[in-house]
């Protein structure tokens, strides 16, 4: 009979094998998204066979034909991982594949889709920096720069295709997050007449907020004014400042600079506040997104220039050092949380 020590030793071996090949799950997921398999199944409106999937794959060249065996094996793994479901017809022995709650988040024509984010994160330029994490531990520096010779923003400017992929990824997550913010933070925008979205990219988030709360003036979509500038130097005056996934890109010193400028921007307002939409790390938590938070923290090592995710204690210390002694943390039905900060 196996001793407890032998059982634990075997369990440890099993776990290392699973961790070592965890990337295979990601690559299989990318394969399914690239081929549009969730969309193919969804377009039929019912479970379909491998032949039906093959017949609806994007055309490549006239001389090539899809490999049924390869696709069957990819789907077998993704069924085990609950990305898809499968059932066998007892009369024909045919396997029928269907969507699950997970793969419904991969539909490209859905308003809320993570497909662009999957394709961006698993694209070679964003995968390469992960190979330099050990070097970063040994000697410091930034993984993306070690991998590509420049930081991610300069790389994006020089590579339009990557820039489009990256922007599509940011856009799809903004759709999901702003919907969650508007659902859970309804009262948060009451009493606000002017709002500045710092680092708002294409302006999607603030546009959606203004649509929902037309009384807000946002400093050329209707109700929104785009202002160029440097958040490290100046932020326009407003009743409130909102920042989504900005703070986690920067180290504490840079975040304090940005937050102090936010403090100046709302200084003349009676009930001024800063609304930060970002991750709150819970390393020992068992919440739905707590594992994702720890992964995102390492993502900041791989892709950012000194950025990191923060625990509640770290957020409170950072905000207090920047002139915001009071804050509320509000969980929303999405990966990040809302950190609502007040200067008094």
C-alpha atoms as a PDB file:
ATOM      1  CA  UNK A   1       0.000   0.000   0.000  1.00  0.00           C
ATOM      2  CA  UNK A   2       1.247   3.483  -0.863  1.00  0.00           C
ATOM      3  CA  UNK A   3       2.353   5.558   2.061  1.00  0.00           C
ATOM      4  CA  UNK A   4       1.005   9.087   2.510  1.00  0.00           C
ATOM      5  CA  UNK A   5       4.435  10.408   1.602  1.00  0.00           C
ATOM      6  CA  UNK A   6       4.420   8.482  -1.690  1.00  0.00           C
ATOM      7  CA  UNK A   7       0.912   9.761  -2.505  1.00  0.00           C
ATOM      8  CA  UNK A   8       1.970  13.344  -1.907  1.00  0.00           C
ATOM      9  CA  UNK A   9       5.101  12.866  -3.985  1.00  0.00           C
ATOM     10  CA  UNK A  10       3.033  11.523  -6.885  1.00  0.00           C
ATOM     11  CA  UNK A  11       0.550  14.383  -6.492  1.00  0.00           C
ATOM     12  CA  UNK A  12       3.436  16.837  -6.716  1.00  0.00           C
ATOM     13  CA  UNK A  13       4.668  15.240  -9.923  1.00  0.00           C
ATOM     14  CA  UNK A  14       1.169  15.418 -11.441  1.00  0.00           C
ATOM     15  CA  UNK A  15       0.886  19.107 -10.604  1.00  0.00           C
ATOM     16  CA  UNK A  16       4.240  19.953 -12.193  1.00  0.00           C
ATOM     17  CA  UNK A  17       3.243  18.176 -15.421  1.00  0.00           C
ATOM     18  CA  UNK A  18      -0.025  20.120 -15.479  1.00  0.00           C
ATOM     19  CA  UNK A  19       1.675  23.472 -14.861  1.00  0.00           C
ATOM     20  CA  UNK A  20       4.382  22.739 -17.423  1.00  0.00           C
ATOM     21  CA  UNK A  21       1.829  22.155 -20.161  1.00  0.00           C
ATOM     22  CA  UNK A  22      -0.693  24.801 -19.120  1.00  0.00           C
ATOM     23  CA  UNK A  23       0.349  26.777 -22.215  1.00  0.00           C
ATOM     24  CA  UNK A  24      -1.212  24.046 -24.363  1.00  0.00           C
ATOM     25  CA  UNK A  25      -4.657  25.044 -23.093  1.00  0.00           C
ATOM     26  CA  UNK A  26      -3.956  28.623 -24.185  1.00  0.00           C
ATOM     27  CA  UNK A  27      -2.748  27.603 -27.628  1.00  0.00           C
ATOM     28  CA  UNK A  28      -5.759  25.341 -28.179  1.00  0.00           C
ATOM     29  CA  UNK A  29      -8.005  28.234 -27.158  1.00  0.00           C
ATOM     30  CA  UNK A  30      -6.220  30.552 -29.598  1.00  0.00           C
ATOM     31  CA  UNK A  31      -6.617  27.948 -32.364  1.00  0.00           C
ATOM     32  CA  UNK A  32     -10.377  27.781 -31.790  1.00  0.00           C
ATOM     33  CA  UNK A  33     -10.724  31.580 -31.828  1.00  0.00           C
ATOM     34  CA  UNK A  34      -8.552  31.999 -34.940  1.00  0.00           C
ATOM     35  CA  UNK A  35     -10.672  29.451 -36.793  1.00  0.00           C
ATOM     36  CA  UNK A  36     -13.896  31.061 -35.581  1.00  0.00           C
ATOM     37  CA  UNK A  37     -15.214  27.774 -34.186  1.00  0.00           C
ATOM     38  CA  UNK A  38     -17.469  29.401 -31.551  1.00  0.00           C
ATOM     39  CA  UNK A  39     -19.037  31.535 -34.286  1.00  0.00           C
ATOM     40  CA  UNK A  40     -19.501  28.537 -36.589  1.00  0.00           C
ATOM     41  CA  UNK A  41     -21.345  26.572 -33.894  1.00  0.00           C
ATOM     42  CA  UNK A  42     -23.388  29.627 -32.913  1.00  0.00           C
ATOM     43  CA  UNK A  43     -24.430  30.308 -36.511  1.00  0.00           C
ATOM     44  CA  UNK A  44     -26.112  26.897 -36.685  1.00  0.00           C
ATOM     45  CA  UNK A  45     -28.085  27.439 -33.501  1.00  0.00           C
ATOM     46  CA  UNK A  46     -27.647  23.820 -32.394  1.00  0.00           C
ATOM     47  CA  UNK A  47     -24.866  21.273 -31.738  1.00  0.00           C
ATOM     48  CA  UNK A  48     -22.949  20.314 -34.893  1.00  0.00           C
ATOM     49  CA  UNK A  49     -20.513  17.652 -36.060  1.00  0.00           C
ATOM     50  CA  UNK A  50     -16.834  17.987 -36.868  1.00  0.00           C
ATOM     51  CA  UNK A  51     -17.713  17.754 -40.594  1.00  0.00           C
ATOM     52  CA  UNK A  52     -20.054  20.724 -40.304  1.00  0.00           C
ATOM     53  CA  UNK A  53     -17.350  22.708 -38.515  1.00  0.00           C
ATOM     54  CA  UNK A  54     -14.778  21.764 -41.187  1.00  0.00           C
ATOM     55  CA  UNK A  55     -17.144  22.767 -44.003  1.00  0.00           C
ATOM     56  CA  UNK A  56     -17.562  26.224 -42.475  1.00  0.00           C
ATOM     57  CA  UNK A  57     -13.905  27.000 -41.774  1.00  0.00           C
ATOM     58  CA  UNK A  58     -12.455  30.070 -43.514  1.00  0.00           C
ATOM     59  CA  UNK A  59     -11.188  29.212 -46.998  1.00  0.00           C
ATOM     60  CA  UNK A  60      -7.401  29.066 -47.325  1.00  0.00           C
ATOM     61  CA  UNK A  61      -6.053  27.890 -50.694  1.00  0.00           C
ATOM     62  CA  UNK A  62      -7.572  25.605 -53.278  1.00  0.00           C
ATOM     63  CA  UNK A  63      -4.714  23.133 -52.855  1.00  0.00           C
ATOM     64  CA  UNK A  64      -5.126  22.720 -49.100  1.00  0.00           C
ATOM     65  CA  UNK A  65      -7.743  20.920 -47.064  1.00  0.00           C
ATOM     66  CA  UNK A  66      -8.420  21.087 -43.307  1.00  0.00           C
ATOM     67  CA  UNK A  67      -7.014  18.325 -41.130  1.00  0.00           C
ATOM     68  CA  UNK A  68      -9.983  16.650 -39.468  1.00  0.00           C
ATOM     69  CA  UNK A  69      -7.807  14.649 -37.090  1.00  0.00           C
ATOM     70  CA  UNK A  70      -5.998  17.738 -35.786  1.00  0.00           C
ATOM     71  CA  UNK A  71      -9.231  19.638 -35.190  1.00  0.00           C
ATOM     72  CA  UNK A  72     -10.854  16.654 -33.474  1.00  0.00           C
ATOM     73  CA  UNK A  73      -7.927  16.473 -31.048  1.00  0.00           C
ATOM     74  CA  UNK A  74      -7.992  20.209 -30.357  1.00  0.00           C
ATOM     75  CA  UNK A  75     -11.715  20.066 -29.619  1.00  0.00           C
ATOM     76  CA  UNK A  76     -11.267  16.999 -27.415  1.00  0.00           C
ATOM     77  CA  UNK A  77      -8.968  19.014 -25.141  1.00  0.00           C
ATOM     78  CA  UNK A  78     -11.239  22.062 -25.161  1.00  0.00           C
ATOM     79  CA  UNK A  79     -14.246  19.909 -24.267  1.00  0.00           C
ATOM     80  CA  UNK A  80     -12.320  18.564 -21.285  1.00  0.00           C
ATOM     81  CA  UNK A  81     -11.554  22.166 -20.306  1.00  0.00           C
ATOM     82  CA  UNK A  82     -15.279  23.028 -20.620  1.00  0.00           C
ATOM     83  CA  UNK A  83     -14.726  25.570 -23.406  1.00  0.00           C
ATOM     84  CA  UNK A  84     -17.055  23.454 -25.547  1.00  0.00           C
ATOM     85  CA  UNK A  85     -19.415  20.599 -24.749  1.00  0.00           C
ATOM     86  CA  UNK A  86     -19.911  17.383 -26.692  1.00  0.00           C
ATOM     87  CA  UNK A  87     -22.456  14.606 -26.925  1.00  0.00           C
ATOM     88  CA  UNK A  88     -22.475  11.330 -28.857  1.00  0.00           C
ATOM     89  CA  UNK A  89     -25.407  10.287 -31.018  1.00  0.00           C
ATOM     90  CA  UNK A  90     -25.978   6.696 -29.898  1.00  0.00           C
ATOM     91  CA  UNK A  91     -27.355   5.642 -33.298  1.00  0.00           C
ATOM     92  CA  UNK A  92     -24.604   7.083 -35.512  1.00  0.00           C
ATOM     93  CA  UNK A  93     -21.708   7.424 -33.024  1.00  0.00           C
ATOM     94  CA  UNK A  94     -21.306  10.970 -34.326  1.00  0.00           C
ATOM     95  CA  UNK A  95     -19.955  13.540 -31.878  1.00  0.00           C
ATOM     96  CA  UNK A  96     -21.873  16.840 -31.734  1.00  0.00           C
ATOM     97  CA  UNK A  97     -20.191  19.958 -30.367  1.00  0.00           C
ATOM     98  CA  UNK A  98     -21.924  22.880 -28.692  1.00  0.00           C
ATOM     99  CA  UNK A  99     -21.136  26.139 -26.947  1.00  0.00           C
ATOM    100  CA  UNK A 100     -20.759  26.491 -23.186  1.00  0.00           C
ATOM    101  CA  UNK A 101     -21.033  29.626 -21.011  1.00  0.00           C
ATOM    102  CA  UNK A 102     -17.265  29.997 -21.574  1.00  0.00           C
ATOM    103  CA  UNK A 103     -17.235  29.838 -25.381  1.00  0.00           C
ATOM    104  CA  UNK A 104     -20.129  32.302 -25.574  1.00  0.00           C
ATOM    105  CA  UNK A 105     -17.546  34.888 -24.459  1.00  0.00           C
ATOM    106  CA  UNK A 106     -15.571  34.129 -27.648  1.00  0.00           C
ATOM    107  CA  UNK A 107     -18.246  35.091 -30.192  1.00  0.00           C
ATOM    108  CA  UNK A 108     -16.876  37.856 -32.385  1.00  0.00           C
ATOM    109  CA  UNK A 109     -20.232  39.392 -33.251  1.00  0.00           C
ATOM    110  CA  UNK A 110     -21.306  39.566 -29.607  1.00  0.00           C
ATOM    111  CA  UNK A 111     -21.295  42.962 -27.918  1.00  0.00           C
ATOM    112  CA  UNK A 112     -19.323  41.432 -25.065  1.00  0.00           C
ATOM    113  CA  UNK A 113     -16.537  39.266 -26.447  1.00  0.00           C
ATOM    114  CA  UNK A 114     -13.093  38.332 -25.145  1.00  0.00           C
ATOM    115  CA  UNK A 115     -11.975  36.937 -28.515  1.00  0.00           C
ATOM    116  CA  UNK A 116      -9.829  39.996 -29.444  1.00  0.00           C
ATOM    117  CA  UNK A 117      -8.129  39.871 -26.033  1.00  0.00           C
ATOM    118  CA  UNK A 118      -7.353  36.163 -26.479  1.00  0.00           C
ATOM    119  CA  UNK A 119      -5.797  36.801 -29.891  1.00  0.00           C
ATOM    120  CA  UNK A 120      -3.707  39.724 -28.632  1.00  0.00           C
ATOM    121  CA  UNK A 121      -2.378  38.086 -25.472  1.00  0.00           C
ATOM    122  CA  UNK A 122      -1.408  34.917 -27.349  1.00  0.00           C
ATOM    123  CA  UNK A 123       0.161  36.758 -30.290  1.00  0.00           C
ATOM    124  CA  UNK A 124       3.943  36.148 -30.587  1.00  0.00           C
ATOM    125  CA  UNK A 125       5.009  39.754 -29.762  1.00  0.00           C
ATOM    126  CA  UNK A 126       3.147  39.595 -26.425  1.00  0.00           C
ATOM    127  CA  UNK A 127       4.272  36.031 -25.734  1.00  0.00           C
ATOM    128  CA  UNK A 128       7.971  36.671 -26.279  1.00  0.00           C
ATOM    129  CA  UNK A 129       8.523  38.914 -23.195  1.00  0.00           C
ATOM    130  CA  UNK A 130       7.483  36.058 -20.902  1.00  0.00           C
ATOM    131  CA  UNK A 131      10.722  34.319 -21.855  1.00  0.00           C
ATOM    132  CA  UNK A 132      12.644  37.138 -20.146  1.00  0.00           C
ATOM    133  CA  UNK A 133      11.002  37.022 -16.718  1.00  0.00           C
ATOM    134  CA  UNK A 134      13.978  35.200 -15.202  1.00  0.00           C
ATOM    135  CA  UNK A 135      16.322  37.854 -16.609  1.00  0.00           C
ATOM    136  CA  UNK A 136      14.164  40.567 -15.093  1.00  0.00           C
ATOM    137  CA  UNK A 137      14.397  38.883 -11.698  1.00  0.00           C
ATOM    138  CA  UNK A 138      18.188  38.594 -12.031  1.00  0.00           C
ATOM    139  CA  UNK A 139      18.983  42.065 -13.304  1.00  0.00           C
ATOM    140  CA  UNK A 140      15.833  44.207 -13.258  1.00  0.00           C
ATOM    141  CA  UNK A 141      14.621  46.070 -16.305  1.00  0.00           C
ATOM    142  CA  UNK A 142      11.547  45.509 -18.439  1.00  0.00           C
ATOM    143  CA  UNK A 143      10.723  42.195 -20.105  1.00  0.00           C
ATOM    144  CA  UNK A 144       9.077  43.708 -23.184  1.00  0.00           C
ATOM    145  CA  UNK A 145      12.077  45.934 -23.800  1.00  0.00           C
ATOM    146  CA  UNK A 146      14.460  43.009 -23.363  1.00  0.00           C
ATOM    147  CA  UNK A 147      12.439  41.016 -25.885  1.00  0.00           C
ATOM    148  CA  UNK A 148      11.900  43.720 -28.516  1.00  0.00           C
ATOM    149  CA  UNK A 149      14.447  46.457 -27.830  1.00  0.00           C
ATOM    150  CA  UNK A 150      11.748  49.064 -27.140  1.00  0.00           C
ATOM    151  CA  UNK A 151       8.870  49.522 -24.711  1.00  0.00           C
ATOM    152  CA  UNK A 152       5.395  48.356 -25.710  1.00  0.00           C
ATOM    153  CA  UNK A 153       4.072  51.814 -26.667  1.00  0.00           C
ATOM    154  CA  UNK A 154       6.970  52.477 -29.068  1.00  0.00           C
ATOM    155  CA  UNK A 155       6.592  48.967 -30.488  1.00  0.00           C
ATOM    156  CA  UNK A 156       2.900  49.658 -31.144  1.00  0.00           C
ATOM    157  CA  UNK A 157       3.663  52.901 -32.957  1.00  0.00           C
ATOM    158  CA  UNK A 158       6.148  51.132 -35.220  1.00  0.00           C
ATOM    159  CA  UNK A 159       3.928  48.115 -35.938  1.00  0.00           C
ATOM    160  CA  UNK A 160       0.444  49.094 -37.169  1.00  0.00           C
ATOM    161  CA  UNK A 161      -0.827  45.501 -37.337  1.00  0.00           C
ATOM    162  CA  UNK A 162       0.146  44.870 -33.715  1.00  0.00           C
ATOM    163  CA  UNK A 163      -1.265  48.259 -32.734  1.00  0.00           C
ATOM    164  CA  UNK A 164      -4.645  47.360 -34.246  1.00  0.00           C
ATOM    165  CA  UNK A 165      -4.625  43.980 -32.514  1.00  0.00           C
ATOM    166  CA  UNK A 166      -3.749  45.600 -29.185  1.00  0.00           C
ATOM    167  CA  UNK A 167      -6.391  48.326 -29.567  1.00  0.00           C
ATOM    168  CA  UNK A 168      -9.042  45.754 -30.452  1.00  0.00           C
ATOM    169  CA  UNK A 169      -8.133  43.878 -27.272  1.00  0.00           C
ATOM    170  CA  UNK A 170      -8.451  47.025 -25.166  1.00  0.00           C
ATOM    171  CA  UNK A 171     -11.732  47.927 -26.843  1.00  0.00           C
ATOM    172  CA  UNK A 172     -13.377  44.574 -26.134  1.00  0.00           C
ATOM    173  CA  UNK A 173     -12.406  44.638 -22.466  1.00  0.00           C
ATOM    174  CA  UNK A 174     -13.622  48.232 -22.146  1.00  0.00           C
ATOM    175  CA  UNK A 175     -17.047  47.148 -23.475  1.00  0.00           C
ATOM    176  CA  UNK A 176     -17.263  44.475 -20.785  1.00  0.00           C
ATOM    177  CA  UNK A 177     -15.920  46.632 -17.968  1.00  0.00           C
ATOM    178  CA  UNK A 178     -17.954  49.771 -18.660  1.00  0.00           C
ATOM    179  CA  UNK A 179     -21.132  47.659 -18.778  1.00  0.00           C
ATOM    180  CA  UNK A 180     -20.248  46.263 -15.338  1.00  0.00           C
ATOM    181  CA  UNK A 181     -19.449  49.760 -14.035  1.00  0.00           C
ATOM    182  CA  UNK A 182     -22.768  51.173 -15.258  1.00  0.00           C
ATOM    183  CA  UNK A 183     -24.655  48.248 -13.702  1.00  0.00           C
ATOM    184  CA  UNK A 184     -22.959  48.358 -10.297  1.00  0.00           C
ATOM    185  CA  UNK A 185     -22.000  52.033  -9.934  1.00  0.00           C
ATOM    186  CA  UNK A 186     -25.272  53.674 -10.944  1.00  0.00           C
ATOM    187  CA  UNK A 187     -25.343  56.195  -8.112  1.00  0.00           C
ATOM    188  CA  UNK A 188     -21.647  56.947  -8.465  1.00  0.00           C
ATOM    189  CA  UNK A 189     -22.169  59.402 -11.321  1.00  0.00           C
ATOM    190  CA  UNK A 190     -25.070  61.274  -9.731  1.00  0.00           C
ATOM    191  CA  UNK A 191     -24.164  64.861  -8.890  1.00  0.00           C
ATOM    192  CA  UNK A 192     -21.236  64.869 -11.330  1.00  0.00           C
ATOM    193  CA  UNK A 193     -21.524  67.558 -13.988  1.00  0.00           C
ATOM    194  CA  UNK A 194     -18.046  67.255 -15.499  1.00  0.00           C
ATOM    195  CA  UNK A 195     -15.865  64.178 -15.882  1.00  0.00           C
ATOM    196  CA  UNK A 196     -12.349  63.630 -17.237  1.00  0.00           C
ATOM    197  CA  UNK A 197     -11.272  60.199 -18.498  1.00  0.00           C
ATOM    198  CA  UNK A 198      -7.477  60.125 -18.110  1.00  0.00           C
ATOM    199  CA  UNK A 199      -5.737  57.991 -20.726  1.00  0.00           C
ATOM    200  CA  UNK A 200      -9.082  57.153 -22.281  1.00  0.00           C
ATOM    201  CA  UNK A 201      -7.720  55.940 -25.617  1.00  0.00           C
ATOM    202  CA  UNK A 202     -10.497  56.015 -28.214  1.00  0.00           C
ATOM    203  CA  UNK A 203     -12.953  57.508 -25.692  1.00  0.00           C
ATOM    204  CA  UNK A 204     -15.298  54.523 -25.606  1.00  0.00           C
ATOM    205  CA  UNK A 205     -15.715  54.427 -21.828  1.00  0.00           C
ATOM    206  CA  UNK A 206     -16.525  58.082 -21.308  1.00  0.00           C
ATOM    207  CA  UNK A 207     -18.833  58.086 -24.343  1.00  0.00           C
ATOM    208  CA  UNK A 208     -20.868  55.258 -22.827  1.00  0.00           C
ATOM    209  CA  UNK A 209     -21.006  57.057 -19.463  1.00  0.00           C
ATOM    210  CA  UNK A 210     -22.232  60.271 -21.099  1.00  0.00           C
ATOM    211  CA  UNK A 211     -24.890  58.302 -23.028  1.00  0.00           C
ATOM    212  CA  UNK A 212     -26.170  56.888 -19.746  1.00  0.00           C
ATOM    213  CA  UNK A 213     -25.800  60.198 -17.864  1.00  0.00           C
ATOM    214  CA  UNK A 214     -26.361  62.981 -20.440  1.00  0.00           C
ATOM    215  CA  UNK A 215     -26.114  65.682 -17.730  1.00  0.00           C
ATOM    216  CA  UNK A 216     -22.340  65.047 -17.571  1.00  0.00           C
ATOM    217  CA  UNK A 217     -20.022  67.218 -19.644  1.00  0.00           C
ATOM    218  CA  UNK A 218     -16.910  65.321 -20.579  1.00  0.00           C
ATOM    219  CA  UNK A 219     -13.867  67.448 -21.614  1.00  0.00           C
ATOM    220  CA  UNK A 220     -15.938  64.504 -31.330  1.00  0.00           C
ATOM    221  CA  UNK A 221     -18.544  62.470 -30.145  1.00  0.00           C
ATOM    222  CA  UNK A 222     -21.629  64.091 -28.752  1.00  0.00           C
ATOM    223  CA  UNK A 223     -20.989  65.345 -25.238  1.00  0.00           C
ATOM    224  CA  UNK A 224     -17.296  64.411 -25.308  1.00  0.00           C
ATOM    225  CA  UNK A 225     -14.311  66.665 -25.881  1.00  0.00           C
ATOM    226  CA  UNK A 226     -10.905  65.119 -26.619  1.00  0.00           C
ATOM    227  CA  UNK A 227      -8.002  66.941 -24.980  1.00  0.00           C
ATOM    228  CA  UNK A 228      -4.349  66.165 -25.673  1.00  0.00           C
ATOM    229  CA  UNK A 229      -1.917  66.376 -22.809  1.00  0.00           C
ATOM    230  CA  UNK A 230       0.358  64.646 -20.343  1.00  0.00           C
ATOM    231  CA  UNK A 231      -1.198  63.211 -17.189  1.00  0.00           C
ATOM    232  CA  UNK A 232       2.169  63.588 -15.417  1.00  0.00           C
ATOM    233  CA  UNK A 233       2.007  67.358 -15.988  1.00  0.00           C
ATOM    234  CA  UNK A 234      -1.645  68.449 -15.904  1.00  0.00           C
ATOM    235  CA  UNK A 235      -5.184  67.047 -15.793  1.00  0.00           C
ATOM    236  CA  UNK A 236      -8.120  69.329 -16.721  1.00  0.00           C
ATOM    237  CA  UNK A 237     -10.444  70.505 -13.942  1.00  0.00           C
ATOM    238  CA  UNK A 238     -13.610  68.482 -13.378  1.00  0.00           C
ATOM    239  CA  UNK A 239     -15.999  67.260 -10.706  1.00  0.00           C
ATOM    240  CA  UNK A 240     -14.486  63.804 -11.044  1.00  0.00           C
ATOM    241  CA  UNK A 241     -11.662  61.965 -12.773  1.00  0.00           C
ATOM    242  CA  UNK A 242     -11.980  58.382 -13.999  1.00  0.00           C
ATOM    243  CA  UNK A 243      -9.090  56.083 -14.938  1.00  0.00           C
ATOM    244  CA  UNK A 244      -9.436  52.530 -16.265  1.00  0.00           C
ATOM    245  CA  UNK A 245      -6.363  50.296 -16.279  1.00  0.00           C
ATOM    246  CA  UNK A 246      -4.003  53.279 -16.000  1.00  0.00           C
ATOM    247  CA  UNK A 247      -2.556  52.912 -12.503  1.00  0.00           C
ATOM    248  CA  UNK A 248      -1.474  49.314 -12.985  1.00  0.00           C
ATOM    249  CA  UNK A 249       0.818  50.356 -15.845  1.00  0.00           C
ATOM    250  CA  UNK A 250       3.002  52.430 -13.527  1.00  0.00           C
ATOM    251  CA  UNK A 251       5.114  52.118 -10.397  1.00  0.00           C
ATOM    252  CA  UNK A 252       4.180  53.802  -7.132  1.00  0.00           C
ATOM    253  CA  UNK A 253       6.211  56.980  -7.723  1.00  0.00           C
ATOM    254  CA  UNK A 254       4.611  57.627 -11.109  1.00  0.00           C
ATOM    255  CA  UNK A 255       1.142  56.784  -9.757  1.00  0.00           C
ATOM    256  CA  UNK A 256       1.567  59.352  -6.974  1.00  0.00           C
ATOM    257  CA  UNK A 257       2.425  62.016  -9.604  1.00  0.00           C
ATOM    258  CA  UNK A 258      -0.706  61.181 -11.608  1.00  0.00           C
ATOM    259  CA  UNK A 259      -2.918  61.095  -8.523  1.00  0.00           C
ATOM    260  CA  UNK A 260      -1.605  64.425  -7.230  1.00  0.00           C
ATOM    261  CA  UNK A 261      -2.535  65.956 -10.577  1.00  0.00           C
ATOM    262  CA  UNK A 262      -5.972  64.366 -10.194  1.00  0.00           C
ATOM    263  CA  UNK A 263      -6.182  65.972  -6.757  1.00  0.00           C
ATOM    264  CA  UNK A 264      -5.450  69.388  -8.280  1.00  0.00           C
ATOM    265  CA  UNK A 265      -8.025  68.784 -11.025  1.00  0.00           C
ATOM    266  CA  UNK A 266     -10.864  68.292  -8.504  1.00  0.00           C
ATOM    267  CA  UNK A 267      -9.548  70.671  -5.809  1.00  0.00           C
ATOM    268  CA  UNK A 268     -12.142  73.387  -6.495  1.00  0.00           C
ATOM    269  CA  UNK A 269     -15.071  70.989  -6.452  1.00  0.00           C
ATOM    270  CA  UNK A 270     -17.079  70.433  -3.290  1.00  0.00           C
ATOM    271  CA  UNK A 271     -17.510  66.684  -3.682  1.00  0.00           C
ATOM    272  CA  UNK A 272     -14.650  65.941  -6.056  1.00  0.00           C
ATOM    273  CA  UNK A 273     -13.434  62.380  -6.378  1.00  0.00           C
ATOM    274  CA  UNK A 274     -11.303  60.012  -8.441  1.00  0.00           C
ATOM    275  CA  UNK A 275     -12.810  56.800  -9.777  1.00  0.00           C
ATOM    276  CA  UNK A 276     -10.139  54.170 -10.472  1.00  0.00           C
ATOM    277  CA  UNK A 277     -11.170  51.034 -12.357  1.00  0.00           C
ATOM    278  CA  UNK A 278      -8.400  48.550 -11.685  1.00  0.00           C
ATOM    279  CA  UNK A 279      -7.561  45.255 -10.051  1.00  0.00           C
ATOM    280  CA  UNK A 280      -7.547  44.809  -6.283  1.00  0.00           C
ATOM    281  CA  UNK A 281      -5.314  41.826  -5.545  1.00  0.00           C
ATOM    282  CA  UNK A 282      -6.498  39.254  -3.032  1.00  0.00           C
ATOM    283  CA  UNK A 283      -3.591  36.751  -2.929  1.00  0.00           C
ATOM    284  CA  UNK A 284      -5.351  34.472  -0.442  1.00  0.00           C
ATOM    285  CA  UNK A 285      -8.845  35.055  -1.772  1.00  0.00           C
ATOM    286  CA  UNK A 286     -11.172  32.527  -3.349  1.00  0.00           C
ATOM    287  CA  UNK A 287     -13.175  34.969  -5.454  1.00  0.00           C
ATOM    288  CA  UNK A 288     -13.975  34.392  -9.124  1.00  0.00           C
ATOM    289  CA  UNK A 289     -11.190  36.652 -10.416  1.00  0.00           C
ATOM    290  CA  UNK A 290      -8.555  36.251  -7.686  1.00  0.00           C
ATOM    291  CA  UNK A 291      -6.401  33.859  -9.733  1.00  0.00           C
ATOM    292  CA  UNK A 292      -6.689  36.171 -12.734  1.00  0.00           C
ATOM    293  CA  UNK A 293      -5.498  39.073 -10.576  1.00  0.00           C
ATOM    294  CA  UNK A 294      -2.268  37.273  -9.716  1.00  0.00           C
ATOM    295  CA  UNK A 295      -1.758  36.387 -13.385  1.00  0.00           C
ATOM    296  CA  UNK A 296      -2.308  40.035 -14.360  1.00  0.00           C
ATOM    297  CA  UNK A 297       0.275  41.100 -11.803  1.00  0.00           C
ATOM    298  CA  UNK A 298       2.887  39.018 -13.637  1.00  0.00           C
ATOM    299  CA  UNK A 299       1.482  40.294 -16.942  1.00  0.00           C
ATOM    300  CA  UNK A 300       2.598  43.738 -15.773  1.00  0.00           C
ATOM    301  CA  UNK A 301       6.161  42.411 -15.455  1.00  0.00           C
ATOM    302  CA  UNK A 302       5.952  40.970 -18.965  1.00  0.00           C
ATOM    303  CA  UNK A 303       4.347  43.921 -20.752  1.00  0.00           C
ATOM    304  CA  UNK A 304       4.471  47.094 -18.669  1.00  0.00           C
ATOM    305  CA  UNK A 305       7.353  49.346 -17.630  1.00  0.00           C
ATOM    306  CA  UNK A 306       7.300  49.058 -13.864  1.00  0.00           C
ATOM    307  CA  UNK A 307       3.577  48.463 -13.473  1.00  0.00           C
ATOM    308  CA  UNK A 308       1.911  46.110 -11.009  1.00  0.00           C
ATOM    309  CA  UNK A 309      -1.396  45.109  -9.504  1.00  0.00           C
ATOM    310  CA  UNK A 310      -2.042  46.127  -5.884  1.00  0.00           C
ATOM    311  CA  UNK A 311      -3.711  44.738  -2.791  1.00  0.00           C
ATOM    312  CA  UNK A 312      -6.246  46.798  -0.849  1.00  0.00           C
ATOM    313  CA  UNK A 313      -3.553  47.724   1.677  1.00  0.00           C
ATOM    314  CA  UNK A 314      -1.244  48.871  -1.123  1.00  0.00           C
ATOM    315  CA  UNK A 315      -4.026  50.897  -2.760  1.00  0.00           C
ATOM    316  CA  UNK A 316      -4.842  52.664   0.500  1.00  0.00           C
ATOM    317  CA  UNK A 317      -1.173  53.491   1.144  1.00  0.00           C
ATOM    318  CA  UNK A 318      -0.687  54.761  -2.412  1.00  0.00           C
ATOM    319  CA  UNK A 319      -3.812  56.921  -2.314  1.00  0.00           C
ATOM    320  CA  UNK A 320      -2.996  58.305   1.124  1.00  0.00           C
ATOM    321  CA  UNK A 321       0.503  59.301  -0.057  1.00  0.00           C
ATOM    322  CA  UNK A 322      -1.083  61.147  -2.998  1.00  0.00           C
ATOM    323  CA  UNK A 323      -3.560  63.127  -0.889  1.00  0.00           C
ATOM    324  CA  UNK A 324      -6.547  60.772  -0.833  1.00  0.00           C
ATOM    325  CA  UNK A 325      -6.980  59.603   2.785  1.00  0.00           C
ATOM    326  CA  UNK A 326     -10.405  58.054   2.170  1.00  0.00           C
ATOM    327  CA  UNK A 327     -11.467  55.452  -0.357  1.00  0.00           C
ATOM    328  CA  UNK A 328     -14.168  52.876  -1.037  1.00  0.00           C
ATOM    329  CA  UNK A 329     -13.590  49.620  -2.881  1.00  0.00           C
ATOM    330  CA  UNK A 330     -16.582  48.416  -4.865  1.00  0.00           C
ATOM    331  CA  UNK A 331     -16.665  45.037  -6.565  1.00  0.00           C
ATOM    332  CA  UNK A 332     -18.316  44.854  -9.979  1.00  0.00           C
ATOM    333  CA  UNK A 333     -19.308  41.851 -12.156  1.00  0.00           C
ATOM    334  CA  UNK A 334     -16.024  41.981 -14.095  1.00  0.00           C
ATOM    335  CA  UNK A 335     -12.328  41.378 -13.467  1.00  0.00           C
ATOM    336  CA  UNK A 336     -11.365  44.825 -12.057  1.00  0.00           C
ATOM    337  CA  UNK A 337     -12.936  46.676  -9.135  1.00  0.00           C
ATOM    338  CA  UNK A 338     -13.817  50.333  -8.574  1.00  0.00           C
ATOM    339  CA  UNK A 339     -11.588  52.251  -6.173  1.00  0.00           C
ATOM    340  CA  UNK A 340     -13.433  55.449  -5.308  1.00  0.00           C
ATOM    341  CA  UNK A 341     -10.988  57.969  -3.752  1.00  0.00           C
ATOM    342  CA  UNK A 342     -11.679  61.259  -1.957  1.00  0.00           C
ATOM    343  CA  UNK A 343      -9.247  64.058  -1.066  1.00  0.00           C
ATOM    344  CA  UNK A 344     -10.850  64.588   2.364  1.00  0.00           C
END
